[in-house]
Amino acid sequence: MQFTSDNTAAVHPAVWQAMMAADAADFPYDGDALSQRLDAVVSDLFGRECAVLWVATGTAANCLALASMVQPHGAVVCHREAHIEMDEGGAPGFYLHGAKLLTAGGESAKVTPETLAAVIDPIRDDVHQVQPHAISITQASEYGCVYRPGELAAIADFAKARGLGLHMDGARFGNAVAHLGCTPAEAASGVDALSFGFVKNGAMSAEAIVFFDAEAAHAIRYRRKRAGHLQSKGRYMAAQILAMLADDLWLDNARAANAAAAAIAAAAPDRLLHPVEANEVFLTCTAAERAALRNAGFRFYDWGDDAARLVASWDAKDGHVMALVKALAAL
């Protein structure tokens, strides 16, 4: 019974069908009809002109998006628990040719203008110190918590006042939108570039970089090729994204994952380390309790010495969720 990660989830049948339908001759790279549709479809979704590039991984999406904002002598300011800091193997420094990550604090892995200012304000404006060029935030955060539109607006205003770009790691963007019940535009308000995640939510191997300034995408097309992410049969990448966006499948899947996480959280409310606002649940749990859960057939990650992380997927089986609910209640 798998609760380690939403990356363990199956590919949604609609995605497989869309890839099969794309299995016909078309122009290579991103010249195919499906790739050419992406800008219009995503622009309709966000209610403004967008430029969209597909890539194979969230790491590439994050780093290529940041490459549109950050020079090699600059820095990205992010939360100290951000995926780009903790889980991308130095890829930001590689893609950004040595640019630095500066880390800020904040509850539930969310930054605020105050925690950002605490990092940025002491930096002198001279050549001897790395200058911040962009801010990166995660929606939903690495602890499964969601930025409200007002919180986003405050960070966007801060970034604009400092002349900084604003990037959003949206690996679980669908889960955030599903929780907020708002429009996608409201859940990404003020952002310059969004890494729009689909793999965790039902796709096989396609993520989207959404540029809200279409001009910013131009140079990244060259960088995508240089980084090895311009796939020759790009129609299969575009097919996955279009299938996920059709009829709000991405939101339906996110709602299912969120509902499963909420049920798990409700079984152990006194153990919660963070509010459960997406599809991740962080619980206090002793080593003996974690061993008992594993012996009962549940798979999950330890989170330090006295906690566990449980992640619900879009295809979480009701029987598995209910079994976990009962096991947690019995601890």
Protein backbone atom coordinates (compact mmCIF):
# COMPACT_ATOMS: atom_id res chain seq x y z
CA MET A 1 0.00 0.00 0.00
CA GLN A 2 1.99 2.87 -1.43
CA PHE A 3 2.07 6.32 0.20
CA THR A 4 5.70 7.24 -0.45
CA SER A 5 5.09 9.68 -3.31
CA ASP A 6 2.57 10.71 -5.93
CA ASN A 7 5.30 9.81 -8.44
CA THR A 8 4.35 6.18 -7.82
CA ALA A 9 0.87 6.77 -9.28
CA ALA A 10 -0.29 5.25 -12.54
CA VAL A 11 -0.57 7.17 -15.80
CA HIS A 12 -4.19 8.22 -16.33
CA PRO A 13 -5.94 6.23 -19.10
CA ALA A 14 -6.86 9.47 -20.90
CA VAL A 15 -3.16 10.30 -21.16
CA TRP A 16 -2.37 6.91 -22.68
CA GLN A 17 -5.21 7.37 -25.15
CA ALA A 18 -3.96 10.81 -26.12
CA MET A 19 -0.46 9.48 -26.71
CA MET A 20 -1.82 6.68 -28.86
CA ALA A 21 -3.83 9.21 -30.86
CA ALA A 22 -0.62 11.18 -31.38
CA ASP A 23 1.09 8.09 -32.80
CA ALA A 24 1.07 9.34 -36.37
CA ALA A 25 3.51 11.26 -38.53
CA ASP A 26 3.80 14.97 -37.81
CA PHE A 27 6.50 17.62 -37.74
CA PRO A 28 9.37 16.87 -35.33
CA TYR A 29 10.44 18.67 -32.17
CA ASP A 30 7.80 21.28 -31.23
CA GLY A 31 6.57 21.91 -34.76
CA ASP A 32 3.72 19.41 -34.50
CA ALA A 33 0.08 20.40 -34.32
CA LEU A 34 -0.31 19.42 -30.66
CA SER A 35 2.69 21.42 -29.47
CA GLN A 36 1.45 24.37 -31.50
CA ARG A 37 -1.87 24.27 -29.59
CA LEU A 38 -0.33 24.60 -26.16
CA ASP A 39 0.03 28.38 -26.07
CA ALA A 40 -3.64 28.95 -26.92
CA VAL A 41 -4.99 26.29 -24.54
CA VAL A 42 -2.93 27.45 -21.57
CA SER A 43 -3.62 31.11 -22.37
CA ASP A 44 -7.34 30.34 -22.18
CA LEU A 45 -6.81 28.58 -18.85
CA PHE A 46 -5.04 31.58 -17.28
CA GLY A 47 -7.00 34.27 -19.07
CA ARG A 48 -3.90 35.97 -20.48
CA GLU A 49 -1.31 35.43 -23.17
CA CYS A 50 1.17 32.69 -22.28
CA ALA A 51 4.06 30.93 -23.98
CA VAL A 52 4.40 27.26 -23.08
CA LEU A 53 7.36 24.90 -23.40
CA TRP A 54 7.20 21.21 -22.54
CA VAL A 55 10.06 19.41 -20.80
CA ALA A 56 10.42 15.93 -19.35
CA THR A 57 11.08 16.68 -15.68
CA GLY A 58 10.18 19.12 -12.96
CA THR A 59 13.85 19.79 -12.30
CA ALA A 60 14.35 20.93 -15.89
CA ALA A 61 11.16 22.99 -15.73
CA ASN A 62 12.31 24.80 -12.59
CA CYS A 63 15.83 25.44 -13.76
CA LEU A 64 15.00 26.52 -17.30
CA ALA A 65 12.31 28.86 -15.98
CA LEU A 66 14.82 30.40 -13.59
CA ALA A 67 17.36 30.70 -16.40
CA SER A 68 15.07 33.30 -17.96
CA MET A 69 15.54 35.52 -14.90
CA VAL A 70 18.95 34.84 -13.40
CA GLN A 71 22.43 35.58 -14.69
CA PRO A 72 25.43 33.42 -13.66
CA HIS A 73 26.64 36.11 -11.24
CA GLY A 74 23.24 36.33 -9.54
CA ALA A 75 21.16 34.39 -7.06
CA VAL A 76 17.73 32.87 -6.51
CA VAL A 77 16.09 33.38 -3.11
CA CYS A 78 13.97 30.41 -2.03
CA HIS A 79 12.79 28.66 1.13
CA ARG A 80 15.43 26.53 2.83
CA GLU A 81 13.19 23.47 2.23
CA ALA A 82 12.58 24.28 -1.44
CA HIS A 83 12.91 21.44 -3.91
CA ILE A 84 15.52 23.38 -5.89
CA GLU A 85 17.64 23.59 -2.72
CA MET A 86 17.07 20.15 -1.19
CA ASP A 87 16.22 17.71 -3.96
CA GLU A 88 17.63 18.69 -7.34
CA GLY A 89 21.24 17.58 -7.01
CA GLY A 90 22.78 20.96 -7.77
CA ALA A 91 20.83 21.30 -11.02
CA PRO A 92 20.05 25.01 -10.49
CA GLY A 93 23.75 25.82 -10.31
CA PHE A 94 24.38 23.68 -13.40
CA TYR A 95 21.59 25.17 -15.54
CA LEU A 96 22.26 28.71 -14.30
CA HIS A 97 26.02 28.40 -14.86
CA GLY A 98 27.00 28.93 -11.25
CA ALA A 99 24.26 31.21 -9.96
CA LYS A 100 23.70 30.79 -6.23
CA LEU A 101 20.70 29.80 -4.11
CA LEU A 102 20.04 31.96 -1.03
CA THR A 103 17.65 30.39 1.46
CA ALA A 104 14.99 32.03 3.60
CA GLY A 105 12.79 30.78 6.44
CA GLY A 106 9.05 30.68 6.92
CA GLU A 107 6.39 28.45 8.47
CA SER A 108 5.25 25.37 6.56
CA ALA A 109 7.96 25.91 3.91
CA LYS A 110 6.38 29.19 2.79
CA VAL A 111 8.33 32.42 2.48
CA THR A 112 6.96 35.88 3.28
CA PRO A 113 8.14 39.37 2.35
CA GLU A 114 9.62 39.60 5.85
CA THR A 115 11.65 36.37 5.60
CA LEU A 116 12.77 37.32 2.09
CA ALA A 117 13.83 40.77 3.25
CA ALA A 118 15.86 39.22 6.07
CA VAL A 119 17.99 37.50 3.40
CA ILE A 120 18.09 40.26 0.81
CA ASP A 121 18.45 43.45 2.85
CA PRO A 122 21.92 42.69 4.29
CA ILE A 123 23.36 42.20 0.77
CA ARG A 124 25.44 45.19 -0.29
CA ASP A 125 24.99 46.54 -3.80
CA ASP A 126 28.57 45.99 -4.93
CA VAL A 127 30.53 43.54 -7.02
CA HIS A 128 31.87 41.67 -4.00
CA GLN A 129 28.51 40.13 -3.13
CA VAL A 130 26.13 37.93 -5.10
CA GLN A 131 23.05 39.93 -6.05
CA PRO A 132 19.53 38.42 -5.96
CA HIS A 133 17.88 38.23 -9.36
CA ALA A 134 14.77 36.15 -8.64
CA ILE A 135 12.55 34.60 -6.00
CA SER A 136 11.27 31.03 -6.28
CA ILE A 137 8.24 29.79 -4.33
CA THR A 138 6.47 26.44 -4.34
CA GLN A 139 2.69 26.01 -4.76
CA ALA A 140 1.76 23.85 -2.85
CA SER A 141 4.81 24.06 -0.60
CA GLU A 142 7.16 21.21 0.24
CA TYR A 143 5.10 20.70 3.41
CA GLY A 144 1.83 20.57 1.51
CA CYS A 145 0.68 24.08 2.40
CA VAL A 146 -0.86 26.56 0.00
CA TYR A 147 -0.15 30.22 -0.71
CA ARG A 148 -3.39 32.25 -0.67
CA PRO A 149 -3.86 34.91 -3.36
CA GLY A 150 -3.20 37.64 -0.80
CA GLU A 151 0.07 36.02 0.24
CA LEU A 152 1.09 35.73 -3.40
CA ALA A 153 0.22 39.35 -4.05
CA ALA A 154 2.43 40.47 -1.17
CA ILE A 155 5.38 38.44 -2.47
CA ALA A 156 4.79 39.63 -6.04
CA ASP A 157 4.72 43.25 -4.88
CA PHE A 158 7.92 42.68 -2.93
CA ALA A 159 9.61 41.13 -5.96
CA LYS A 160 8.50 43.93 -8.25
CA ALA A 161 9.67 46.61 -5.85
CA ARG A 162 13.11 44.97 -5.69
CA GLY A 163 13.31 44.37 -9.45
CA LEU A 164 13.31 40.58 -9.01
CA GLY A 165 11.74 37.89 -11.15
CA LEU A 166 9.19 35.57 -9.51
CA HIS A 167 9.13 31.85 -10.30
CA MET A 168 6.65 29.30 -9.02
CA ASP A 169 7.49 25.62 -8.68
CA GLY A 170 4.06 24.14 -9.36
CA ALA A 171 4.84 20.44 -9.11
CA ARG A 172 1.56 20.18 -7.16
CA PHE A 173 -0.08 23.28 -8.61
CA GLY A 174 -3.27 21.31 -9.32
CA ASN A 175 -3.55 20.31 -5.67
CA ALA A 176 -3.20 23.95 -4.64
CA VAL A 177 -5.88 25.14 -7.06
CA ALA A 178 -8.20 22.34 -5.94
CA HIS A 179 -7.76 23.31 -2.29
CA LEU A 180 -8.21 27.03 -2.85
CA GLY A 181 -11.22 26.65 -5.13
CA CYS A 182 -9.96 29.64 -7.09
CA THR A 183 -8.93 30.14 -10.69
CA PRO A 184 -5.48 29.04 -11.89
CA ALA A 185 -4.67 32.71 -12.48
CA GLU A 186 -5.42 33.53 -8.83
CA ALA A 187 -3.26 30.63 -7.62
CA ALA A 188 -0.33 31.99 -9.64
CA SER A 189 -1.01 35.71 -9.24
CA GLY A 190 1.97 37.94 -9.98
CA VAL A 191 4.21 35.09 -11.13
CA ASP A 192 6.51 35.56 -14.14
CA ALA A 193 7.07 31.87 -14.89
CA LEU A 194 5.31 28.74 -13.61
CA SER A 195 6.59 25.18 -13.64
CA PHE A 196 3.19 23.55 -14.18
CA GLY A 197 3.38 19.99 -12.91
CA PHE A 198 1.54 17.07 -14.50
CA VAL A 199 3.64 13.98 -13.83
CA LYS A 200 2.61 13.69 -10.16
CA ASN A 201 -1.01 14.20 -11.17
CA GLY A 202 -1.55 11.60 -13.91
CA ALA A 203 0.82 12.32 -16.79
CA MET A 204 3.71 10.05 -17.75
CA SER A 205 6.66 12.29 -18.62
CA ALA A 206 5.59 15.85 -19.43
CA GLU A 207 5.78 19.08 -17.46
CA ALA A 208 5.04 22.58 -18.78
CA ILE A 209 6.97 25.81 -18.32
CA VAL A 210 4.43 28.63 -18.55
CA PHE A 211 5.81 32.08 -19.28
CA PHE A 212 3.39 34.91 -18.59
CA ASP A 213 5.64 37.17 -20.63
CA ALA A 214 5.79 35.46 -24.01
CA GLU A 215 9.03 37.24 -24.91
CA ALA A 216 10.82 35.60 -21.99
CA ALA A 217 10.29 32.19 -23.58
CA HIS A 218 12.35 32.98 -26.67
CA ALA A 219 15.83 32.46 -25.22
CA ILE A 220 14.66 29.45 -23.22
CA ARG A 221 13.82 27.61 -26.44
CA TYR A 222 17.56 27.67 -27.19
CA ARG A 223 18.47 26.73 -23.63
CA ARG A 224 16.00 23.82 -23.72
CA LYS A 225 17.78 22.41 -26.76
CA ARG A 226 21.19 22.93 -25.20
CA ALA A 227 19.98 21.17 -22.02
CA GLY A 228 18.88 18.10 -23.98
CA HIS A 229 15.15 18.60 -23.39
CA LEU A 230 14.00 19.33 -26.93
CA GLN A 231 12.58 15.90 -27.69
CA SER A 232 12.39 14.96 -31.36
CA LYS A 233 8.88 13.51 -30.97
CA GLY A 234 7.48 16.38 -28.97
CA ARG A 235 3.91 15.60 -29.96
CA TYR A 236 3.82 12.91 -27.27
CA MET A 237 4.78 15.49 -24.65
CA ALA A 238 2.15 17.95 -25.81
CA ALA A 239 -0.46 15.18 -26.00
CA GLN A 240 -0.02 14.44 -22.29
CA ILE A 241 -0.44 18.06 -21.25
CA LEU A 242 -3.46 18.64 -23.47
CA ALA A 243 -5.10 15.45 -22.18
CA MET A 244 -4.60 16.55 -18.58
CA LEU A 245 -6.08 19.98 -19.27
CA ALA A 246 -9.06 18.67 -21.24
CA ASP A 247 -12.32 18.71 -19.25
CA ASP A 248 -10.37 19.71 -16.11
CA LEU A 249 -8.86 16.26 -15.66
CA TRP A 250 -5.92 17.85 -13.83
CA LEU A 251 -8.30 19.32 -11.26
CA ASP A 252 -10.36 16.16 -10.87
CA ASN A 253 -7.19 14.15 -10.20
CA ALA A 254 -5.92 16.74 -7.73
CA ARG A 255 -9.23 16.78 -5.87
CA ALA A 256 -9.12 12.98 -5.54
CA ALA A 257 -5.59 13.08 -4.12
CA ASN A 258 -6.48 15.91 -1.73
CA ALA A 259 -9.56 14.06 -0.50
CA ALA A 260 -7.51 10.96 0.27
CA ALA A 261 -4.97 13.05 2.19
CA ALA A 262 -7.74 14.76 4.14
CA ALA A 263 -9.15 11.38 5.19
CA ILE A 264 -5.71 10.25 6.37
CA ALA A 265 -5.19 13.49 8.29
CA ALA A 266 -8.57 13.19 9.97
CA ALA A 267 -7.52 9.85 11.46
CA ALA A 268 -4.68 11.42 13.44
CA PRO A 269 -5.36 15.13 13.98
CA ASP A 270 -3.21 15.39 17.08
CA ARG A 271 -0.17 14.15 15.18
CA LEU A 272 -0.23 16.71 12.34
CA LEU A 273 2.94 18.76 11.93
CA HIS A 274 1.50 21.03 9.23
CA PRO A 275 -1.97 21.90 7.95
CA VAL A 276 -3.08 19.43 5.27
CA GLU A 277 -4.01 21.61 2.31
CA ALA A 278 -2.91 19.45 -0.60
CA ASN A 279 -2.03 15.76 -0.83
CA GLU A 280 0.82 15.46 1.69
CA VAL A 281 0.43 14.53 5.35
CA PHE A 282 3.25 14.99 7.89
CA LEU A 283 2.73 13.18 11.20
CA THR A 284 4.64 12.70 14.41
CA CYS A 285 5.37 9.00 14.57
CA THR A 286 7.88 7.07 16.66
CA ALA A 287 10.27 4.55 15.15
CA ALA A 288 8.24 1.72 16.67
CA GLU A 289 4.99 3.10 15.26
CA ARG A 290 6.51 3.49 11.82
CA ALA A 291 7.78 -0.07 11.97
CA ALA A 292 4.28 -1.27 12.88
CA LEU A 293 2.77 0.57 9.92
CA ARG A 294 5.36 -0.91 7.57
CA ASN A 295 4.77 -4.38 8.96
CA ALA A 296 1.10 -3.85 8.15
CA GLY A 297 2.01 -3.23 4.51
CA PHE A 298 2.18 0.58 4.26
CA ARG A 299 5.03 2.30 2.43
CA PHE A 300 6.04 5.91 3.18
CA TYR A 301 9.08 8.05 3.91
CA ASP A 302 10.52 8.75 7.34
CA TRP A 303 10.77 12.48 8.02
CA GLY A 304 13.61 12.88 10.46
CA ASP A 305 13.77 10.76 13.58
CA ASP A 306 10.23 11.15 14.84
CA ALA A 307 7.92 11.82 11.90
CA ALA A 308 6.54 10.34 8.71
CA ARG A 309 5.46 11.78 5.36
CA LEU A 310 2.45 10.22 3.68
CA VAL A 311 1.52 11.25 0.14
CA ALA A 312 -1.83 10.45 -1.47
CA SER A 313 -2.00 10.00 -5.25
CA TRP A 314 -4.78 10.74 -7.71
CA ASP A 315 -5.39 6.99 -8.01
CA ALA A 316 -5.24 6.17 -4.29
CA LYS A 317 -7.35 3.08 -3.69
CA ASP A 318 -10.20 3.55 -1.25
CA GLY A 319 -9.37 0.28 0.45
CA HIS A 320 -5.77 1.30 1.01
CA VAL A 321 -6.75 4.72 2.34
CA MET A 322 -9.30 3.26 4.73
CA ALA A 323 -6.82 0.63 5.92
CA LEU A 324 -4.33 3.39 6.68
CA VAL A 325 -6.99 5.45 8.44
CA LYS A 326 -7.77 2.49 10.71
CA ALA A 327 -4.09 1.76 11.34
CA LEU A 328 -3.35 5.37 12.30
CA ALA A 329 -6.39 5.56 14.56
CA ALA A 330 -5.20 2.42 16.33
CA LEU A 331 -1.68 3.67 17.07
